[in-house]
C-alpha atoms as a PDB file:
ATOM      1  CA  MET A   1     -28.455 -71.309  43.598  1.00  0.00           C
ATOM      2  CA  ARG A   2     -31.412 -69.382  42.431  1.00  0.00           C
ATOM      3  CA  TYR A   3     -35.165 -69.317  43.015  1.00  0.00           C
ATOM      4  CA  THR A   4     -36.998 -71.400  40.330  1.00  0.00           C
ATOM      5  CA  GLY A   5     -40.551 -70.454  41.528  1.00  0.00           C
ATOM      6  CA  ARG A   6     -41.669 -73.866  42.324  1.00  0.00           C
ATOM      7  CA  THR A   7     -41.784 -73.331  46.234  1.00  0.00           C
ATOM      8  CA  ASP A   8     -44.556 -71.224  47.639  1.00  0.00           C
ATOM      9  CA  PRO A   9     -43.032 -67.835  49.059  1.00  0.00           C
ATOM     10  CA  ALA A  10     -44.967 -68.504  52.346  1.00  0.00           C
ATOM     11  CA  THR A  11     -43.101 -71.879  52.685  1.00  0.00           C
ATOM     12  CA  LEU A  12     -39.867 -70.185  51.900  1.00  0.00           C
ATOM     13  CA  HIS A  13     -40.428 -67.397  54.442  1.00  0.00           C
ATOM     14  CA  THR A  14     -41.377 -70.180  57.109  1.00  0.00           C
ATOM     15  CA  ARG A  15     -38.146 -71.938  56.548  1.00  0.00           C
ATOM     16  CA  LEU A  16     -36.149 -68.979  56.679  1.00  0.00           C
ATOM     17  CA  THR A  17     -37.679 -67.667  59.891  1.00  0.00           C
ATOM     18  CA  ALA A  18     -37.137 -71.275  61.432  1.00  0.00           C
ATOM     19  CA  ALA A  19     -33.450 -71.521  60.554  1.00  0.00           C
ATOM     20  CA  PRO A  20     -31.027 -71.513  63.313  1.00  0.00           C
ATOM     21  CA  ARG A  21     -29.617 -68.071  63.966  1.00  0.00           C
ATOM     22  CA  GLY A  22     -25.865 -67.257  63.877  1.00  0.00           C
ATOM     23  CA  ALA A  23     -23.879 -66.843  66.747  1.00  0.00           C
ATOM     24  CA  THR A  24     -24.463 -63.792  68.684  1.00  0.00           C
ATOM     25  CA  GLY A  25     -22.958 -62.006  71.839  1.00  0.00           C
ATOM     26  CA  ASP A  26     -19.461 -62.826  72.821  1.00  0.00           C
ATOM     27  CA  GLU A  27     -19.391 -65.937  70.773  1.00  0.00           C
ATOM     28  CA  GLY A  28     -20.500 -64.077  67.581  1.00  0.00           C
ATOM     29  CA  ALA A  29     -17.919 -61.306  68.295  1.00  0.00           C
ATOM     30  CA  ALA A  30     -15.199 -63.938  68.592  1.00  0.00           C
ATOM     31  CA  HIS A  31     -16.346 -65.630  65.305  1.00  0.00           C
ATOM     32  CA  ALA A  32     -16.449 -62.309  63.735  1.00  0.00           C
ATOM     33  CA  ALA A  33     -13.039 -61.377  64.705  1.00  0.00           C
ATOM     34  CA  ILE A  34     -11.592 -64.752  63.600  1.00  0.00           C
ATOM     35  CA  THR A  35     -13.393 -64.437  60.243  1.00  0.00           C
ATOM     36  CA  ARG A  36     -11.928 -60.807  59.704  1.00  0.00           C
ATOM     37  CA  ALA A  37      -8.393 -62.019  60.512  1.00  0.00           C
ATOM     38  CA  LEU A  38      -8.708 -65.041  57.984  1.00  0.00           C
ATOM     39  CA  VAL A  39      -9.927 -62.679  55.222  1.00  0.00           C
ATOM     40  CA  ALA A  40      -7.125 -60.356  55.833  1.00  0.00           C
ATOM     41  CA  THR A  41      -4.671 -63.190  55.758  1.00  0.00           C
ATOM     42  CA  LEU A  42      -6.170 -64.694  52.528  1.00  0.00           C
ATOM     43  CA  SER A  43      -6.311 -61.063  51.079  1.00  0.00           C
ATOM     44  CA  ALA A  44      -2.589 -60.613  51.638  1.00  0.00           C
ATOM     45  CA  LEU A  45      -1.816 -64.029  50.127  1.00  0.00           C
ATOM     46  CA  VAL A  46      -3.686 -63.273  46.985  1.00  0.00           C
ATOM     47  CA  GLU A  47      -1.975 -59.947  46.735  1.00  0.00           C
ATOM     48  CA  GLN A  48       1.390 -61.664  46.987  1.00  0.00           C
ATOM     49  CA  ILE A  49       0.466 -64.463  44.630  1.00  0.00           C
ATOM     50  CA  THR A  50      -0.569 -61.740  41.987  1.00  0.00           C
ATOM     51  CA  ILE A  51       2.710 -59.892  42.560  1.00  0.00           C
ATOM     52  CA  LEU A  52       4.864 -63.015  42.120  1.00  0.00           C
ATOM     53  CA  SER A  53       2.841 -64.063  39.032  1.00  0.00           C
ATOM     54  CA  GLN A  54       3.515 -60.730  37.353  1.00  0.00           C
ATOM     55  CA  GLN A  55       7.210 -61.045  38.012  1.00  0.00           C
ATOM     56  CA  ILE A  56       7.354 -64.435  36.787  1.00  0.00           C
ATOM     57  CA  GLU A  57       5.511 -63.341  33.583  1.00  0.00           C
ATOM     58  CA  LYS A  58       7.969 -60.457  33.096  1.00  0.00           C
ATOM     59  CA  GLN A  59      11.054 -62.590  33.587  1.00  0.00           C
ATOM     60  CA  LEU A  60       9.620 -65.258  31.301  1.00  0.00           C
ATOM     61  CA  ALA A  61       8.993 -62.565  28.514  1.00  0.00           C
ATOM     62  CA  ALA A  62      12.401 -61.237  29.106  1.00  0.00           C
ATOM     63  CA  HIS A  63      14.203 -64.687  28.801  1.00  0.00           C
ATOM     64  CA  ALA A  64      15.973 -65.242  25.473  1.00  0.00           C
ATOM     65  CA  ASP A  65      14.531 -68.805  25.279  1.00  0.00           C
ATOM     66  CA  ALA A  66      11.073 -67.697  26.184  1.00  0.00           C
ATOM     67  CA  HIS A  67       9.742 -68.819  22.684  1.00  0.00           C
ATOM     68  CA  ILE A  68      10.900 -72.400  23.332  1.00  0.00           C
ATOM     69  CA  PHE A  69       9.529 -72.483  26.975  1.00  0.00           C
ATOM     70  CA  THR A  70       6.124 -71.352  25.802  1.00  0.00           C
ATOM     71  CA  SER A  71       6.027 -73.802  22.943  1.00  0.00           C
ATOM     72  CA  LEU A  72       6.242 -76.823  25.112  1.00  0.00           C
ATOM     73  CA  PRO A  73       3.185 -78.806  25.590  1.00  0.00           C
ATOM     74  CA  ARG A  74       1.011 -77.637  28.546  1.00  0.00           C
ATOM     75  CA  SER A  75       3.134 -74.535  29.094  1.00  0.00           C
ATOM     76  CA  GLY A  76       0.295 -72.170  28.547  1.00  0.00           C
ATOM     77  CA  THR A  77      -0.511 -69.329  30.902  1.00  0.00           C
ATOM     78  CA  VAL A  78      -2.025 -70.627  34.130  1.00  0.00           C
ATOM     79  CA  VAL A  79      -4.746 -68.721  35.460  1.00  0.00           C
ATOM     80  CA  PRO A  80      -5.457 -69.600  39.177  1.00  0.00           C
ATOM     81  CA  HIS A  81      -9.060 -70.129  39.941  1.00  0.00           C
ATOM     82  CA  GLY A  82     -10.500 -67.456  42.297  1.00  0.00           C
ATOM     83  CA  PHE A  83      -7.850 -64.853  41.567  1.00  0.00           C
END
């Protein structure tokens, strides 16, 4: 989303300052710790997916029938979204 210039900056500022604040104190710290743990987990999964994808690609390239497999309909390279 981007700013189009149709809303008065003062109105935007008022909306931003009136918006609810995020969690603070112990609750905020707990949410932050959970978020960091989830990010670490997702990062590890993305890394492993990348490694496995590279191994699959190498194995396919080395296979004697790779030209047959890759000529099949819908057998193109799959690029996962967000990786």
